[in-house]
Amino acid sequence: MEEIPEKKLNNAISTYAESVEKTKVYALVDTTLFGSAKEGMLFTKAGITFLKH
């Protein structure tokens, strides 16, 4: 399994998932046009965290 790129994970957490610990993230879905991961979803054992516009 591929690791989540650190920059994308940091962007996602700082933008819409501040309560999520990096080590608890199983998957990241990046829905941005240019791949910044500032929009999308994070999957954790506790649930799914996402940014909805």
C-alpha atoms as a PDB file:
ATOM      1  CA  MET A   1       0.000   0.000   0.000  1.00  0.00           C
ATOM      2  CA  GLU A   2       1.260   3.482  -0.846  1.00  0.00           C
ATOM      3  CA  GLU A   3       1.850   6.022   1.876  1.00  0.00           C
ATOM      4  CA  ILE A   4      -0.075   9.284   1.866  1.00  0.00           C
ATOM      5  CA  PRO A   5       2.211  12.143   0.784  1.00  0.00           C
ATOM      6  CA  GLU A   6       3.133  14.211   3.855  1.00  0.00           C
ATOM      7  CA  LYS A   7       2.325  17.570   2.202  1.00  0.00           C
ATOM      8  CA  LYS A   8      -1.170  16.407   1.180  1.00  0.00           C
ATOM      9  CA  LEU A   9      -1.886  14.998   4.632  1.00  0.00           C
ATOM     10  CA  ASN A  10      -0.709  18.210   6.302  1.00  0.00           C
ATOM     11  CA  ASN A  11      -2.870  20.326   3.959  1.00  0.00           C
ATOM     12  CA  ALA A  12      -5.964  18.213   4.609  1.00  0.00           C
ATOM     13  CA  ILE A  13      -5.537  18.225   8.376  1.00  0.00           C
ATOM     14  CA  SER A  14      -4.835  21.952   8.598  1.00  0.00           C
ATOM     15  CA  THR A  15      -7.719  22.850   6.262  1.00  0.00           C
ATOM     16  CA  TYR A  16     -10.620  20.656   7.398  1.00  0.00           C
ATOM     17  CA  ALA A  17      -9.544  17.991   9.891  1.00  0.00           C
ATOM     18  CA  GLU A  18      -7.694  19.715  12.723  1.00  0.00           C
ATOM     19  CA  SER A  19      -8.900  17.170  15.294  1.00  0.00           C
ATOM     20  CA  VAL A  20      -7.497  14.199  13.340  1.00  0.00           C
ATOM     21  CA  GLU A  21      -4.106  12.736  14.252  1.00  0.00           C
ATOM     22  CA  LYS A  22      -1.823  11.983  11.283  1.00  0.00           C
ATOM     23  CA  THR A  23      -1.132   8.464  12.527  1.00  0.00           C
ATOM     24  CA  LYS A  24      -4.865   7.631  12.575  1.00  0.00           C
ATOM     25  CA  VAL A  25      -5.474   8.322   8.854  1.00  0.00           C
ATOM     26  CA  TYR A  26      -5.979   5.216   6.695  1.00  0.00           C
ATOM     27  CA  ALA A  27      -6.769   6.932   3.388  1.00  0.00           C
ATOM     28  CA  LEU A  28      -7.063  10.363   1.805  1.00  0.00           C
ATOM     29  CA  VAL A  29      -9.231  11.299  -1.169  1.00  0.00           C
ATOM     30  CA  ASP A  30      -8.034  14.497  -2.835  1.00  0.00           C
ATOM     31  CA  THR A  31     -10.814  16.215  -4.799  1.00  0.00           C
ATOM     32  CA  THR A  32      -8.819  19.313  -5.763  1.00  0.00           C
ATOM     33  CA  LEU A  33      -8.019  20.172  -9.354  1.00  0.00           C
ATOM     34  CA  PHE A  34      -4.282  20.616  -8.816  1.00  0.00           C
ATOM     35  CA  GLY A  35      -3.654  18.039  -6.071  1.00  0.00           C
ATOM     36  CA  SER A  36      -3.234  20.171  -2.954  1.00  0.00           C
ATOM     37  CA  ALA A  37      -5.626  17.981  -0.881  1.00  0.00           C
ATOM     38  CA  LYS A  38      -7.183  21.083   0.685  1.00  0.00           C
ATOM     39  CA  GLU A  39     -10.558  19.598  -0.305  1.00  0.00           C
ATOM     40  CA  GLY A  40     -11.526  15.962  -0.060  1.00  0.00           C
ATOM     41  CA  MET A  41     -11.951  13.249   2.565  1.00  0.00           C
ATOM     42  CA  LEU A  42      -9.902  11.535   5.256  1.00  0.00           C
ATOM     43  CA  PHE A  43     -10.766   8.012   6.386  1.00  0.00           C
ATOM     44  CA  THR A  44      -9.970   7.001   9.965  1.00  0.00           C
ATOM     45  CA  LYS A  45     -11.078   4.233  12.327  1.00  0.00           C
ATOM     46  CA  ALA A  46     -13.400   6.773  13.983  1.00  0.00           C
ATOM     47  CA  GLY A  47     -15.084   7.745  10.707  1.00  0.00           C
ATOM     48  CA  ILE A  48     -14.853   9.941   7.646  1.00  0.00           C
ATOM     49  CA  THR A  49     -13.867  13.597   7.817  1.00  0.00           C
ATOM     50  CA  PHE A  50     -14.510  15.777   4.773  1.00  0.00           C
ATOM     51  CA  LEU A  51     -14.779  19.316   3.493  1.00  0.00           C
ATOM     52  CA  LYS A  52     -18.160  20.152   2.000  1.00  0.00           C
ATOM     53  CA  HIS A  53     -18.620  23.320  -0.058  1.00  0.00           C
END
